[in-house]
Amino acid sequence: MKQICAIYKSKKRPDTYLYVPKKEDFSAVPEGLLARFGHPELVMLMALPTDKTFVNLDQTKLIDALKDPGYYLQLPPVSPSLLAEHRIALGLSPDPQQDT
């Protein structure tokens, strides 16, 4: 059975998306999360499940989250610490505080 999903992007936080089961229905989204997300900007409506693949998103987890708790928040991938990577390449601990 197909389910409609509305996808919104955050104007405050780059690469942050909010998925809700109905267009403009944010009733399940906590107020604090909406305040930090900012005014949601509609990106698209999509029927789920779909043959399309998502970047950094498991479609099954998305569908489950739309049922409970009633929304899904997609955050940008964690960028690696360039300092930690450089320290590891030098044979050091990634955490400078562990050197003391």
PDB file of N, CA and C in Angstrom:
ATOM      1  N   MET A   1       0.839  -1.184   0.000  1.00  0.00           N
ATOM      2  CA  MET A   1       0.000   0.000   0.000  1.00  0.00           C
ATOM      3  C   MET A   1       0.883   1.247   0.000  1.00  0.00           C
ATOM      4  N   LYS A   2       0.592   2.175  -0.893  1.00  0.00           N
ATOM      5  CA  LYS A   2       1.372   3.402  -1.007  1.00  0.00           C
ATOM      6  C   LYS A   2       0.977   4.401   0.079  1.00  0.00           C
ATOM      7  N   GLN A   3       1.961   5.173   0.510  1.00  0.00           N
ATOM      8  CA  GLN A   3       1.765   6.215   1.512  1.00  0.00           C
ATOM      9  C   GLN A   3       2.406   7.490   0.982  1.00  0.00           C
ATOM     10  N   ILE A   4       1.746   8.620   1.147  1.00  0.00           N
ATOM     11  CA  ILE A   4       2.313   9.898   0.721  1.00  0.00           C
ATOM     12  C   ILE A   4       3.247  10.407   1.812  1.00  0.00           C
ATOM     13  N   CYS A   5       4.312  11.010   1.390  1.00  0.00           N
ATOM     14  CA  CYS A   5       5.294  11.592   2.298  1.00  0.00           C
ATOM     15  C   CYS A   5       5.637  12.987   1.784  1.00  0.00           C
ATOM     16  N   ALA A   6       5.597  13.965   2.680  1.00  0.00           N
ATOM     17  CA  ALA A   6       6.003  15.328   2.329  1.00  0.00           C
ATOM     18  C   ALA A   6       7.410  15.557   2.859  1.00  0.00           C
ATOM     19  N   ILE A   7       8.272  16.081   2.012  1.00  0.00           N
ATOM     20  CA  ILE A   7       9.669  16.302   2.372  1.00  0.00           C
ATOM     21  C   ILE A   7       9.930  17.803   2.414  1.00  0.00           C
ATOM     22  N   TYR A   8      10.465  18.259   3.546  1.00  0.00           N
ATOM     23  CA  TYR A   8      10.761  19.678   3.748  1.00  0.00           C
ATOM     24  C   TYR A   8      12.237  19.841   4.041  1.00  0.00           C
ATOM     25  N   LYS A   9      12.794  20.958   3.597  1.00  0.00           N
ATOM     26  CA  LYS A   9      14.182  21.267   3.945  1.00  0.00           C
ATOM     27  C   LYS A   9      14.204  22.438   4.909  1.00  0.00           C
ATOM     28  N   SER A  10      15.278  22.497   5.672  1.00  0.00           N
ATOM     29  CA  SER A  10      15.465  23.566   6.642  1.00  0.00           C
ATOM     30  C   SER A  10      16.212  24.723   5.998  1.00  0.00           C
ATOM     31  N   LYS A  11      15.738  25.927   6.234  1.00  0.00           N
ATOM     32  CA  LYS A  11      16.472  27.107   5.758  1.00  0.00           C
ATOM     33  C   LYS A  11      17.580  27.471   6.748  1.00  0.00           C
ATOM     34  N   LYS A  12      17.431  27.021   7.997  1.00  0.00           N
ATOM     35  CA  LYS A  12      18.415  27.332   9.035  1.00  0.00           C
ATOM     36  C   LYS A  12      19.611  26.384   9.023  1.00  0.00           C
ATOM     37  N   ARG A  13      19.350  25.118   8.682  1.00  0.00           N
ATOM     38  CA  ARG A  13      20.377  24.087   8.788  1.00  0.00           C
ATOM     39  C   ARG A  13      20.570  23.393   7.433  1.00  0.00           C
ATOM     40  N   PRO A  14      21.707  23.612   6.799  1.00  0.00           N
ATOM     41  CA  PRO A  14      21.952  23.005   5.480  1.00  0.00           C
ATOM     42  C   PRO A  14      21.884  21.477   5.529  1.00  0.00           C
ATOM     43  N   ASP A  15      21.372  20.887   4.474  1.00  0.00           N
ATOM     44  CA  ASP A  15      21.295  19.431   4.315  1.00  0.00           C
ATOM     45  C   ASP A  15      20.504  18.738   5.419  1.00  0.00           C
ATOM     46  N   THR A  16      19.516  19.439   5.981  1.00  0.00           N
ATOM     47  CA  THR A  16      18.651  18.881   7.016  1.00  0.00           C
ATOM     48  C   THR A  16      17.234  18.842   6.463  1.00  0.00           C
ATOM     49  N   TYR A  17      16.616  17.651   6.523  1.00  0.00           N
ATOM     50  CA  TYR A  17      15.297  17.445   5.935  1.00  0.00           C
ATOM     51  C   TYR A  17      14.342  16.839   6.950  1.00  0.00           C
ATOM     52  N   LEU A  18      13.085  17.223   6.840  1.00  0.00           N
ATOM     53  CA  LEU A  18      12.025  16.720   7.707  1.00  0.00           C
ATOM     54  C   LEU A  18      10.987  16.039   6.826  1.00  0.00           C
ATOM     55  N   TYR A  19      10.667  14.797   7.141  1.00  0.00           N
ATOM     56  CA  TYR A  19       9.692  14.004   6.403  1.00  0.00           C
ATOM     57  C   TYR A  19       8.460  13.840   7.281  1.00  0.00           C
ATOM     58  N   VAL A  20       7.293  14.168   6.752  1.00  0.00           N
ATOM     59  CA  VAL A  20       6.031  14.000   7.483  1.00  0.00           C
ATOM     60  C   VAL A  20       5.033  13.279   6.573  1.00  0.00           C
ATOM     61  N   PRO A  21       4.065  12.557   7.173  1.00  0.00           N
ATOM     62  CA  PRO A  21       3.150  11.768   6.352  1.00  0.00           C
ATOM     63  C   PRO A  21       2.078  12.562   5.618  1.00  0.00           C
ATOM     64  N   LYS A  22       1.866  13.822   5.993  1.00  0.00           N
ATOM     65  CA  LYS A  22       0.873  14.653   5.314  1.00  0.00           C
ATOM     66  C   LYS A  22       1.445  16.051   5.094  1.00  0.00           C
ATOM     67  N   LYS A  23       1.138  16.629   3.962  1.00  0.00           N
ATOM     68  CA  LYS A  23       1.606  17.974   3.640  1.00  0.00           C
ATOM     69  C   LYS A  23       1.119  18.954   4.698  1.00  0.00           C
ATOM     70  N   GLU A  24       2.067  19.738   5.207  1.00  0.00           N
ATOM     71  CA  GLU A  24       1.814  20.803   6.185  1.00  0.00           C
ATOM     72  C   GLU A  24       1.224  20.308   7.503  1.00  0.00           C
ATOM     73  N   ASP A  25       1.407  19.040   7.833  1.00  0.00           N
ATOM     74  CA  ASP A  25       0.958  18.510   9.125  1.00  0.00           C
ATOM     75  C   ASP A  25       2.181  18.221   9.980  1.00  0.00           C
ATOM     76  N   PHE A  26       2.481  19.148  10.868  1.00  0.00           N
ATOM     77  CA  PHE A  26       3.634  19.024  11.747  1.00  0.00           C
ATOM     78  C   PHE A  26       3.210  18.715  13.179  1.00  0.00           C
ATOM     79  N   SER A  27       1.998  18.204  13.347  1.00  0.00           N
ATOM     80  CA  SER A  27       1.442  17.974  14.680  1.00  0.00           C
ATOM     81  C   SER A  27       2.258  16.957  15.492  1.00  0.00           C
ATOM     82  N   ALA A  28       2.913  16.015  14.855  1.00  0.00           N
ATOM     83  CA  ALA A  28       3.702  15.016  15.572  1.00  0.00           C
ATOM     84  C   ALA A  28       5.130  15.480  15.863  1.00  0.00           C
ATOM     85  N   VAL A  29       5.544  16.583  15.256  1.00  0.00           N
ATOM     86  CA  VAL A  29       6.912  17.077  15.410  1.00  0.00           C
ATOM     87  C   VAL A  29       6.997  17.928  16.679  1.00  0.00           C
ATOM     88  N   PRO A  30       7.924  17.606  17.586  1.00  0.00           N
ATOM     89  CA  PRO A  30       8.062  18.411  18.811  1.00  0.00           C
ATOM     90  C   PRO A  30       8.335  19.882  18.500  1.00  0.00           C
ATOM     91  N   GLU A  31       7.771  20.765  19.323  1.00  0.00           N
ATOM     92  CA  GLU A  31       7.920  22.211  19.091  1.00  0.00           C
ATOM     93  C   GLU A  31       9.373  22.645  19.095  1.00  0.00           C
ATOM     94  N   GLY A  32      10.164  22.078  19.995  1.00  0.00           N
ATOM     95  CA  GLY A  32      11.579  22.440  20.069  1.00  0.00           C
ATOM     96  C   GLY A  32      12.326  22.087  18.797  1.00  0.00           C
ATOM     97  N   LEU A  33      11.990  20.952  18.216  1.00  0.00           N
ATOM     98  CA  LEU A  33      12.626  20.545  16.971  1.00  0.00           C
ATOM     99  C   LEU A  33      12.236  21.488  15.843  1.00  0.00           C
ATOM    100  N   LEU A  34      10.962  21.842  15.776  1.00  0.00           N
ATOM    101  CA  LEU A  34      10.509  22.775  14.727  1.00  0.00           C
ATOM    102  C   LEU A  34      11.167  24.140  14.883  1.00  0.00           C
ATOM    103  N   ALA A  35      11.354  24.578  16.130  1.00  0.00           N
ATOM    104  CA  ALA A  35      11.993  25.876  16.367  1.00  0.00           C
ATOM    105  C   ALA A  35      13.436  25.863  15.856  1.00  0.00           C
ATOM    106  N   ARG A  36      14.160  24.780  16.099  1.00  0.00           N
ATOM    107  CA  ARG A  36      15.545  24.678  15.632  1.00  0.00           C
ATOM    108  C   ARG A  36      15.613  24.446  14.132  1.00  0.00           C
ATOM    109  N   PHE A  37      14.611  23.749  13.582  1.00  0.00           N
ATOM    110  CA  PHE A  37      14.573  23.457  12.151  1.00  0.00           C
ATOM    111  C   PHE A  37      14.313  24.723  11.350  1.00  0.00           C
ATOM    112  N   GLY A  38      13.489  25.619  11.916  1.00  0.00           N
ATOM    113  CA  GLY A  38      13.120  26.833  11.195  1.00  0.00           C
ATOM    114  C   GLY A  38      11.894  26.593  10.338  1.00  0.00           C
ATOM    115  N   HIS A  39      11.517  27.585   9.575  1.00  0.00           N
ATOM    116  CA  HIS A  39      10.331  27.466   8.730  1.00  0.00           C
ATOM    117  C   HIS A  39      10.574  26.404   7.658  1.00  0.00           C
ATOM    118  N   PRO A  40       9.798  25.308   7.671  1.00  0.00           N
ATOM    119  CA  PRO A  40      10.016  24.248   6.687  1.00  0.00           C
ATOM    120  C   PRO A  40       9.654  24.701   5.273  1.00  0.00           C
ATOM    121  N   GLU A  41      10.517  24.377   4.320  1.00  0.00           N
ATOM    122  CA  GLU A  41      10.276  24.693   2.914  1.00  0.00           C
ATOM    123  C   GLU A  41      10.022  23.385   2.168  1.00  0.00           C
ATOM    124  N   LEU A  42       8.832  23.257   1.582  1.00  0.00           N
ATOM    125  CA  LEU A  42       8.463  22.035   0.885  1.00  0.00           C
ATOM    126  C   LEU A  42       9.401  21.769  -0.290  1.00  0.00           C
ATOM    127  N   VAL A  43       9.935  20.558  -0.329  1.00  0.00           N
ATOM    128  CA  VAL A  43      10.810  20.142  -1.416  1.00  0.00           C
ATOM    129  C   VAL A  43      10.009  19.324  -2.424  1.00  0.00           C
ATOM    130  N   MET A  44       9.260  18.308  -1.901  1.00  0.00           N
ATOM    131  CA  MET A  44       8.474  17.466  -2.799  1.00  0.00           C
ATOM    132  C   MET A  44       7.520  16.591  -2.005  1.00  0.00           C
ATOM    133  N   LEU A  45       6.550  16.059  -2.722  1.00  0.00           N
ATOM    134  CA  LEU A  45       5.676  15.014  -2.205  1.00  0.00           C
ATOM    135  C   LEU A  45       6.087  13.733  -2.900  1.00  0.00           C
ATOM    136  N   MET A  46       6.088  12.625  -2.149  1.00  0.00           N
ATOM    137  CA  MET A  46       6.531  11.366  -2.720  1.00  0.00           C
ATOM    138  C   MET A  46       5.663  10.232  -2.195  1.00  0.00           C
ATOM    139  N   ALA A  47       5.371   9.276  -3.056  1.00  0.00           N
ATOM    140  CA  ALA A  47       4.653   8.074  -2.646  1.00  0.00           C
ATOM    141  C   ALA A  47       5.675   7.029  -2.188  1.00  0.00           C
ATOM    142  N   LEU A  48       5.407   6.427  -1.044  1.00  0.00           N
ATOM    143  CA  LEU A  48       6.282   5.392  -0.499  1.00  0.00           C
ATOM    144  C   LEU A  48       5.526   4.083  -0.412  1.00  0.00           C
ATOM    145  N   PRO A  49       6.150   2.964  -0.605  1.00  0.00           N
ATOM    146  CA  PRO A  49       7.546   2.800  -1.008  1.00  0.00           C
ATOM    147  C   PRO A  49       7.756   3.210  -2.466  1.00  0.00           C
ATOM    148  N   THR A  50       9.002   3.489  -2.790  1.00  0.00           N
ATOM    149  CA  THR A  50       9.364   3.934  -4.124  1.00  0.00           C
ATOM    150  C   THR A  50      10.578   3.157  -4.624  1.00  0.00           C
ATOM    151  N   ASP A  51      10.772   3.161  -5.915  1.00  0.00           N
ATOM    152  CA  ASP A  51      11.951   2.524  -6.508  1.00  0.00           C
ATOM    153  C   ASP A  51      13.176   3.432  -6.421  1.00  0.00           C
ATOM    154  N   LYS A  52      12.945   4.709  -6.101  1.00  0.00           N
ATOM    155  CA  LYS A  52      14.061   5.648  -5.987  1.00  0.00           C
ATOM    156  C   LYS A  52      14.910   5.287  -4.775  1.00  0.00           C
ATOM    157  N   THR A  53      16.187   5.580  -4.889  1.00  0.00           N
ATOM    158  CA  THR A  53      17.076   5.368  -3.747  1.00  0.00           C
ATOM    159  C   THR A  53      17.338   6.704  -3.071  1.00  0.00           C
ATOM    160  N   PHE A  54      17.495   6.653  -1.789  1.00  0.00           N
ATOM    161  CA  PHE A  54      17.764   7.849  -1.000  1.00  0.00           C
ATOM    162  C   PHE A  54      19.226   7.856  -0.594  1.00  0.00           C
ATOM    163  N   VAL A  55      19.804   9.050  -0.506  1.00  0.00           N
ATOM    164  CA  VAL A  55      21.172   9.191  -0.036  1.00  0.00           C
ATOM    165  C   VAL A  55      21.128   9.238   1.490  1.00  0.00           C
ATOM    166  N   ASN A  56      21.897   8.380   2.112  1.00  0.00           N
ATOM    167  CA  ASN A  56      21.997   8.343   3.580  1.00  0.00           C
ATOM    168  C   ASN A  56      20.658   8.130   4.276  1.00  0.00           C
ATOM    169  N   LEU A  57      19.768   7.346   3.675  1.00  0.00           N
ATOM    170  CA  LEU A  57      18.451   7.135   4.270  1.00  0.00           C
ATOM    171  C   LEU A  57      17.936   5.754   3.895  1.00  0.00           C
ATOM    172  N   ASP A  58      17.562   4.995   4.912  1.00  0.00           N
ATOM    173  CA  ASP A  58      16.975   3.669   4.719  1.00  0.00           C
ATOM    174  C   ASP A  58      15.467   3.850   4.592  1.00  0.00           C
ATOM    175  N   GLN A  59      14.917   3.461   3.449  1.00  0.00           N
ATOM    176  CA  GLN A  59      13.496   3.666   3.166  1.00  0.00           C
ATOM    177  C   GLN A  59      12.599   2.948   4.181  1.00  0.00           C
ATOM    178  N   THR A  60      13.006   1.773   4.629  1.00  0.00           N
ATOM    179  CA  THR A  60      12.222   1.033   5.621  1.00  0.00           C
ATOM    180  C   THR A  60      12.161   1.806   6.938  1.00  0.00           C
ATOM    181  N   LYS A  61      13.283   2.358   7.373  1.00  0.00           N
ATOM    182  CA  LYS A  61      13.303   3.160   8.609  1.00  0.00           C
ATOM    183  C   LYS A  61      12.440   4.405   8.457  1.00  0.00           C
ATOM    184  N   LEU A  62      12.456   5.008   7.284  1.00  0.00           N
ATOM    185  CA  LEU A  62      11.640   6.186   7.023  1.00  0.00           C
ATOM    186  C   LEU A  62      10.158   5.838   7.155  1.00  0.00           C
ATOM    187  N   ILE A  63       9.734   4.778   6.520  1.00  0.00           N
ATOM    188  CA  ILE A  63       8.322   4.381   6.566  1.00  0.00           C
ATOM    189  C   ILE A  63       7.911   4.065   8.000  1.00  0.00           C
ATOM    190  N   ASP A  64       8.764   3.362   8.738  1.00  0.00           N
ATOM    191  CA  ASP A  64       8.460   3.050  10.142  1.00  0.00           C
ATOM    192  C   ASP A  64       8.356   4.317  10.985  1.00  0.00           C
ATOM    193  N   ALA A  65       9.261   5.271  10.763  1.00  0.00           N
ATOM    194  CA  ALA A  65       9.246   6.514  11.539  1.00  0.00           C
ATOM    195  C   ALA A  65       8.022   7.365  11.224  1.00  0.00           C
ATOM    196  N   LEU A  66       7.545   7.314   9.988  1.00  0.00           N
ATOM    197  CA  LEU A  66       6.354   8.086   9.640  1.00  0.00           C
ATOM    198  C   LEU A  66       5.120   7.546  10.367  1.00  0.00           C
ATOM    199  N   LYS A  67       5.151   6.256  10.714  1.00  0.00           N
ATOM    200  CA  LYS A  67       4.054   5.670  11.497  1.00  0.00           C
ATOM    201  C   LYS A  67       4.207   6.023  12.970  1.00  0.00           C
ATOM    202  N   ASP A  68       5.404   5.887  13.494  1.00  0.00           N
ATOM    203  CA  ASP A  68       5.669   6.209  14.897  1.00  0.00           C
ATOM    204  C   ASP A  68       7.112   6.623  15.028  1.00  0.00           C
ATOM    205  N   PRO A  69       7.411   7.839  15.323  1.00  0.00           N
ATOM    206  CA  PRO A  69       6.654   8.865  16.016  1.00  0.00           C
ATOM    207  C   PRO A  69       5.813   9.795  15.142  1.00  0.00           C
ATOM    208  N   GLY A  70       5.814   9.614  13.824  1.00  0.00           N
ATOM    209  CA  GLY A  70       4.984  10.446  12.956  1.00  0.00           C
ATOM    210  C   GLY A  70       5.779  11.450  12.138  1.00  0.00           C
ATOM    211  N   TYR A  71       7.105  11.336  12.181  1.00  0.00           N
ATOM    212  CA  TYR A  71       7.981  12.205  11.384  1.00  0.00           C
ATOM    213  C   TYR A  71       9.354  11.557  11.330  1.00  0.00           C
ATOM    214  N   TYR A  72      10.192  12.037  10.413  1.00  0.00           N
ATOM    215  CA  TYR A  72      11.574  11.570  10.330  1.00  0.00           C
ATOM    216  C   TYR A  72      12.454  12.780  10.066  1.00  0.00           C
ATOM    217  N   LEU A  73      13.494  12.934  10.851  1.00  0.00           N
ATOM    218  CA  LEU A  73      14.443  14.029  10.680  1.00  0.00           C
ATOM    219  C   LEU A  73      15.727  13.466  10.096  1.00  0.00           C
ATOM    220  N   GLN A  74      16.109  13.973   8.931  1.00  0.00           N
ATOM    221  CA  GLN A  74      17.358  13.552   8.296  1.00  0.00           C
ATOM    222  C   GLN A  74      18.391  14.650   8.499  1.00  0.00           C
ATOM    223  N   LEU A  75      19.443  14.312   9.223  1.00  0.00           N
ATOM    224  CA  LEU A  75      20.532  15.260   9.475  1.00  0.00           C
ATOM    225  C   LEU A  75      21.639  15.045   8.457  1.00  0.00           C
ATOM    226  N   PRO A  76      22.465  16.061   8.235  1.00  0.00           N
ATOM    227  CA  PRO A  76      23.570  15.882   7.294  1.00  0.00           C
ATOM    228  C   PRO A  76      24.561  14.866   7.858  1.00  0.00           C
ATOM    229  N   PRO A  77      25.285  14.187   6.985  1.00  0.00           N
ATOM    230  CA  PRO A  77      26.279  13.235   7.482  1.00  0.00           C
ATOM    231  C   PRO A  77      27.344  13.963   8.300  1.00  0.00           C
ATOM    232  N   VAL A  78      27.847  13.272   9.302  1.00  0.00           N
ATOM    233  CA  VAL A  78      28.884  13.852  10.154  1.00  0.00           C
ATOM    234  C   VAL A  78      30.158  13.951   9.338  1.00  0.00           C
ATOM    235  N   SER A  79      30.699  15.158   9.293  1.00  0.00           N
ATOM    236  CA  SER A  79      31.942  15.330   8.540  1.00  0.00           C
ATOM    237  C   SER A  79      33.106  14.869   9.414  1.00  0.00           C
ATOM    238  N   PRO A  80      34.076  14.225   8.792  1.00  0.00           N
ATOM    239  CA  PRO A  80      35.196  13.710   9.576  1.00  0.00           C
ATOM    240  C   PRO A  80      36.045  14.853  10.114  1.00  0.00           C
ATOM    241  N   SER A  81      36.674  14.596  11.207  1.00  0.00           N
ATOM    242  CA  SER A  81      37.595  15.575  11.764  1.00  0.00           C
ATOM    243  C   SER A  81      38.909  15.486  10.996  1.00  0.00           C
ATOM    244  N   LEU A  82      39.233  16.540  10.291  1.00  0.00           N
ATOM    245  CA  LEU A  82      40.476  16.543   9.517  1.00  0.00           C
ATOM    246  C   LEU A  82      41.687  16.491  10.438  1.00  0.00           C
ATOM    247  N   LEU A  83      41.583  17.128  11.597  1.00  0.00           N
ATOM    248  CA  LEU A  83      42.686  17.084  12.559  1.00  0.00           C
ATOM    249  C   LEU A  83      42.898  15.652  13.046  1.00  0.00           C
ATOM    250  N   ALA A  84      41.807  14.970  13.387  1.00  0.00           N
ATOM    251  CA  ALA A  84      41.927  13.589  13.857  1.00  0.00           C
ATOM    252  C   ALA A  84      42.530  12.698  12.776  1.00  0.00           C
ATOM    253  N   GLU A  85      42.087  12.858  11.543  1.00  0.00           N
ATOM    254  CA  GLU A  85      42.635  12.054  10.443  1.00  0.00           C
ATOM    255  C   GLU A  85      44.127  12.321  10.260  1.00  0.00           C
ATOM    256  N   HIS A  86      44.532  13.575  10.366  1.00  0.00           N
ATOM    257  CA  HIS A  86      45.938  13.933  10.211  1.00  0.00           C
ATOM    258  C   HIS A  86      46.768  13.334  11.343  1.00  0.00           C
ATOM    259  N   ARG A  87      46.253  13.410  12.568  1.00  0.00           N
ATOM    260  CA  ARG A  87      46.973  12.857  13.719  1.00  0.00           C
ATOM    261  C   ARG A  87      47.132  11.338  13.571  1.00  0.00           C
ATOM    262  N   ILE A  88      46.088  10.667  13.096  1.00  0.00           N
ATOM    263  CA  ILE A  88      46.163   9.217  12.895  1.00  0.00           C
ATOM    264  C   ILE A  88      47.214   8.897  11.835  1.00  0.00           C
ATOM    265  N   ALA A  89      47.270   9.687  10.761  1.00  0.00           N
ATOM    266  CA  ALA A  89      48.262   9.479   9.705  1.00  0.00           C
ATOM    267  C   ALA A  89      49.680   9.655  10.237  1.00  0.00           C
ATOM    268  N   LEU A  90      49.834  10.497  11.268  1.00  0.00           N
ATOM    269  CA  LEU A  90      51.147  10.709  11.873  1.00  0.00           C
ATOM    270  C   LEU A  90      51.471   9.650  12.926  1.00  0.00           C
ATOM    271  N   GLY A  91      50.529   8.750  13.176  1.00  0.00           N
ATOM    272  CA  GLY A  91      50.743   7.708  14.180  1.00  0.00           C
ATOM    273  C   GLY A  91      50.387   8.154  15.583  1.00  0.00           C
ATOM    274  N   LEU A  92      49.650   9.257  15.690  1.00  0.00           N
ATOM    275  CA  LEU A  92      49.254   9.779  16.998  1.00  0.00           C
ATOM    276  C   LEU A  92      47.808   9.397  17.299  1.00  0.00           C
ATOM    277  N   SER A  93      47.428   9.641  18.531  1.00  0.00           N
ATOM    278  CA  SER A  93      46.040   9.454  18.927  1.00  0.00           C
ATOM    279  C   SER A  93      45.194  10.523  18.245  1.00  0.00           C
ATOM    280  N   PRO A  94      43.941  10.205  17.842  1.00  0.00           N
ATOM    281  CA  PRO A  94      43.092  11.219  17.214  1.00  0.00           C
ATOM    282  C   PRO A  94      42.722  12.348  18.177  1.00  0.00           C
ATOM    283  N   ASP A  95      42.815  12.089  19.490  1.00  0.00           N
ATOM    284  CA  ASP A  95      42.458  13.088  20.503  1.00  0.00           C
ATOM    285  C   ASP A  95      43.705  13.697  21.089  1.00  0.00           C
ATOM    286  N   PRO A  96      43.966  14.993  20.852  1.00  0.00           N
ATOM    287  CA  PRO A  96      45.190  15.624  21.359  1.00  0.00           C
ATOM    288  C   PRO A  96      45.319  15.559  22.891  1.00  0.00           C
ATOM    289  N   GLN A  97      44.223  15.479  23.604  1.00  0.00           N
ATOM    290  CA  GLN A  97      44.260  15.450  25.072  1.00  0.00           C
ATOM    291  C   GLN A  97      44.827  14.123  25.582  1.00  0.00           C
ATOM    292  N   GLN A  98      44.841  13.099  24.772  1.00  0.00           N
ATOM    293  CA  GLN A  98      45.390  11.819  25.197  1.00  0.00           C
ATOM    294  C   GLN A  98      46.915  11.789  25.118  1.00  0.00           C
ATOM    295  N   ASP A  99      47.504  12.829  24.561  1.00  0.00           N
ATOM    296  CA  ASP A  99      48.963  12.881  24.420  1.00  0.00           C
ATOM    297  C   ASP A  99      49.645  13.313  25.709  1.00  0.00           C
ATOM    298  N   THR A 100      48.904  13.880  26.636  1.00  0.00           N
ATOM    299  CA  THR A 100      49.557  14.411  27.853  1.00  0.00           C
ATOM    300  C   THR A 100      49.837  13.347  28.863  1.00  0.00           C
TER     301      THR A 100
END
